[in-house]
Amino acid sequence: MINNLIDFYLKSHPVTIGVLILLSVYFIVLNWVFFYRFFSLNSWLAKETASLESLLLGAVTVNENSFLNKFIKSSNIISKEVLQLGMLAATKEATKGLSILSIFASTSPFIGLFGTVVSILDTFTHIGQASGSMSVIASGVSDALVATASGIFVAIFAYTYHQIMKRRSYELVNYLQMQSDAILARKV
């Protein structure tokens, strides 16, 4: 196994190695962003669920832990505009990290493809210099395709994480909207 990795490293073009390092960094960052945001959104969603439940059971206003609470406290009167401002701020906060996941999902296949193209060009250069046997071609192409596979691998995780986070953010904003509507309905 170690010998195969060393052999791959020695045969690969420096650009391909750079592409694999970049995709590794992408993978580490996207996992960090996802897990950090996922657990913080889950915690936030639990607070908003409890707040909505208390409103539905007859509470006059949202819980202390609700995101809307600071907007309600900052105003002398509870109005649709104040609650809408809270909703906009919550949407901005809930969707943090989605951009980076989206960028990683869309760019990592192209980065992998770039590494593959450079490796294949390098393989053709070596074929021209040596006697072009099929083993040289097969070895070079298989090594080159590692970059494409890596790019697709990272993109799959980035896209999946993006969709999960987008759905969680949507659920959170809906809970806040339901709390807003409940507060405004009591006011009338």
Protein backbone atom coordinates (compact mmCIF):
# COMPACT_ATOMS: atom_id res chain seq x y z
CA MET A 1 0.00 0.00 0.00
CA ILE A 2 2.71 2.47 1.03
CA ASN A 3 4.80 1.39 -1.97
CA ASN A 4 1.84 2.09 -4.28
CA LEU A 5 1.43 5.59 -2.82
CA ILE A 6 5.13 6.31 -3.18
CA ASP A 7 5.06 4.97 -6.74
CA PHE A 8 2.02 7.13 -7.54
CA TYR A 9 3.71 10.20 -6.09
CA LEU A 10 6.91 9.62 -8.07
CA LYS A 11 5.08 9.01 -11.38
CA SER A 12 2.54 11.82 -11.08
CA HIS A 13 2.90 15.29 -12.48
CA PRO A 14 3.42 18.04 -9.85
CA VAL A 15 0.17 19.71 -10.97
CA THR A 16 -1.74 16.49 -10.26
CA ILE A 17 -0.21 16.28 -6.80
CA GLY A 18 -1.14 19.94 -6.24
CA VAL A 19 -4.70 19.24 -7.37
CA LEU A 20 -4.97 16.31 -4.97
CA ILE A 21 -3.64 18.46 -2.11
CA LEU A 22 -6.14 21.22 -2.94
CA LEU A 23 -9.01 18.72 -3.06
CA SER A 24 -7.87 17.33 0.30
CA VAL A 25 -8.00 20.82 1.78
CA TYR A 26 -11.46 21.29 0.22
CA PHE A 27 -12.62 18.04 1.82
CA ILE A 28 -11.32 18.98 5.27
CA VAL A 29 -12.85 22.48 5.13
CA LEU A 30 -16.23 21.31 3.84
CA ASN A 31 -16.48 18.68 6.57
CA TRP A 32 -15.57 21.23 9.21
CA VAL A 33 -18.12 23.76 7.89
CA PHE A 34 -20.83 21.13 7.61
CA PHE A 35 -20.45 19.59 11.04
CA TYR A 36 -20.01 22.92 12.81
CA ARG A 37 -23.07 24.46 11.12
CA PHE A 38 -25.13 21.25 11.35
CA PHE A 39 -24.79 20.96 15.11
CA SER A 40 -25.29 24.67 15.71
CA LEU A 41 -28.42 24.67 13.50
CA ASN A 42 -29.77 21.60 15.30
CA SER A 43 -29.30 23.32 18.65
CA TRP A 44 -30.96 26.48 17.34
CA LEU A 45 -33.81 24.46 15.83
CA ALA A 46 -34.44 22.78 19.19
CA LYS A 47 -34.74 26.20 20.88
CA GLU A 48 -37.15 27.48 18.24
CA THR A 49 -39.23 24.29 18.42
CA ALA A 50 -39.60 24.70 22.18
CA SER A 51 -40.52 28.36 21.72
CA LEU A 52 -43.16 27.56 19.12
CA GLU A 53 -44.62 24.82 21.29
CA SER A 54 -44.92 27.21 24.23
CA LEU A 55 -46.65 29.77 21.98
CA LEU A 56 -49.09 27.13 20.79
CA LEU A 57 -49.80 26.16 24.40
CA GLY A 58 -50.78 29.74 25.27
CA ALA A 59 -47.61 31.68 26.03
CA VAL A 60 -47.89 35.40 25.38
CA THR A 61 -44.50 35.80 23.70
CA VAL A 62 -41.54 33.75 22.52
CA ASN A 63 -39.10 32.04 24.90
CA GLU A 64 -36.02 33.85 26.15
CA ASN A 65 -33.89 31.56 23.98
CA SER A 66 -35.72 32.35 20.75
CA PHE A 67 -33.89 34.34 18.11
CA LEU A 68 -36.90 36.66 17.75
CA ASN A 69 -36.76 37.58 21.44
CA LYS A 70 -34.01 40.18 21.05
CA PHE A 71 -35.94 41.89 18.24
CA ILE A 72 -39.14 41.93 20.28
CA LYS A 73 -37.29 43.36 23.30
CA SER A 74 -35.61 46.05 21.21
CA SER A 75 -38.93 47.57 20.17
CA ASN A 76 -41.61 49.23 22.27
CA ILE A 77 -44.33 47.66 20.15
CA ILE A 78 -44.48 44.30 18.46
CA SER A 79 -45.07 44.92 14.78
CA LYS A 80 -44.92 42.95 11.59
CA GLU A 81 -41.89 45.02 10.52
CA VAL A 82 -39.93 44.23 13.68
CA LEU A 83 -40.66 40.52 13.31
CA GLN A 84 -39.78 40.66 9.61
CA LEU A 85 -36.44 42.23 10.50
CA GLY A 86 -35.83 39.35 12.91
CA MET A 87 -36.73 36.88 10.16
CA LEU A 88 -34.27 38.46 7.74
CA ALA A 89 -31.49 38.41 10.34
CA ALA A 90 -32.29 34.77 11.16
CA THR A 91 -32.24 33.80 7.49
CA LYS A 92 -28.83 35.40 7.08
CA GLU A 93 -27.50 33.62 10.15
CA ALA A 94 -29.06 30.25 9.26
CA THR A 95 -27.62 30.18 5.75
CA LYS A 96 -24.02 30.89 6.74
CA GLY A 97 -21.72 28.32 5.20
CA LEU A 98 -24.02 27.45 2.30
CA SER A 99 -21.98 29.52 -0.15
CA ILE A 100 -18.74 27.70 0.54
CA LEU A 101 -20.44 24.30 0.24
CA SER A 102 -21.98 25.38 -3.06
CA ILE A 103 -18.66 26.67 -4.39
CA PHE A 104 -16.89 23.46 -3.40
CA ALA A 105 -19.62 21.33 -4.98
CA SER A 106 -19.39 23.17 -8.27
CA THR A 107 -15.62 23.67 -8.56
CA SER A 108 -14.12 20.43 -7.26
CA PRO A 109 -15.02 18.32 -10.34
CA PHE A 110 -13.35 20.91 -12.57
CA ILE A 111 -10.26 21.00 -10.38
CA GLY A 112 -10.07 17.20 -10.59
CA LEU A 113 -10.56 17.32 -14.34
CA PHE A 114 -7.76 19.86 -14.66
CA GLY A 115 -5.42 17.47 -12.80
CA THR A 116 -6.48 14.64 -15.09
CA VAL A 117 -5.86 16.63 -18.27
CA VAL A 118 -2.39 17.67 -17.10
CA SER A 119 -1.55 14.07 -16.17
CA ILE A 120 -2.75 12.74 -19.52
CA LEU A 121 -0.69 15.36 -21.34
CA ASP A 122 2.29 14.29 -19.25
CA THR A 123 1.59 10.64 -20.17
CA PHE A 124 1.55 11.49 -23.87
CA THR A 125 4.85 13.30 -23.44
CA HIS A 126 6.36 10.18 -21.89
CA ILE A 127 4.94 8.01 -24.67
CA GLY A 128 6.70 10.18 -27.24
CA GLN A 129 10.00 9.87 -25.40
CA ALA A 130 9.87 6.10 -24.82
CA SER A 131 8.61 3.19 -26.79
CA GLY A 132 4.84 3.69 -26.55
CA SER A 133 3.65 0.41 -25.12
CA MET A 134 0.14 -0.10 -23.79
CA SER A 135 1.41 -0.51 -20.24
CA VAL A 136 2.80 3.06 -20.28
CA ILE A 137 -0.51 4.40 -21.60
CA ALA A 138 -2.67 2.40 -19.19
CA SER A 139 -0.51 3.30 -16.21
CA GLY A 140 -0.49 7.00 -17.09
CA VAL A 141 -4.22 7.21 -17.75
CA SER A 142 -5.14 5.30 -14.59
CA ASP A 143 -2.95 7.61 -12.51
CA ALA A 144 -4.49 10.63 -14.23
CA LEU A 145 -8.05 9.52 -13.49
CA VAL A 146 -7.34 9.57 -9.76
CA ALA A 147 -7.65 13.37 -9.88
CA THR A 148 -11.07 13.22 -11.57
CA ALA A 149 -12.28 10.61 -9.10
CA SER A 150 -11.07 12.77 -6.21
CA GLY A 151 -12.85 15.83 -7.59
CA ILE A 152 -16.10 13.92 -7.98
CA PHE A 153 -15.72 12.42 -4.49
CA VAL A 154 -15.36 15.88 -2.91
CA ALA A 155 -18.24 17.26 -5.01
CA ILE A 156 -20.60 14.51 -3.89
CA PHE A 157 -20.03 15.34 -0.24
CA ALA A 158 -20.15 19.09 -0.81
CA TYR A 159 -23.43 18.88 -2.74
CA THR A 160 -25.01 16.51 -0.21
CA TYR A 161 -23.95 18.68 2.71
CA HIS A 162 -25.24 21.77 0.91
CA GLN A 163 -28.66 20.20 0.42
CA ILE A 164 -28.86 19.04 4.05
CA MET A 165 -27.90 22.48 5.36
CA LYS A 166 -30.28 24.23 2.98
CA ARG A 167 -33.15 22.06 4.23
CA ARG A 168 -32.22 22.67 7.88
CA SER A 169 -32.09 26.41 7.30
CA TYR A 170 -35.48 26.29 5.59
CA GLU A 171 -36.99 24.40 8.55
CA LEU A 172 -35.53 26.90 11.00
CA VAL A 173 -36.86 29.91 9.11
CA ASN A 174 -40.29 28.25 8.92
CA TYR A 175 -40.34 27.76 12.70
CA LEU A 176 -39.49 31.43 13.15
CA GLN A 177 -42.20 32.42 10.67
CA MET A 178 -44.77 30.34 12.56
CA GLN A 179 -43.75 32.05 15.81
CA SER A 180 -44.08 35.45 14.12
CA ASP A 181 -47.52 34.58 12.81
CA ALA A 182 -48.63 33.30 16.23
CA ILE A 183 -47.48 36.50 17.92
CA LEU A 184 -49.19 38.71 15.34
CA ALA A 185 -52.40 36.65 15.54
CA ARG A 186 -52.55 37.17 19.31
CA LYS A 187 -52.04 40.88 18.89
CA VAL A 188 -55.14 41.33 16.74
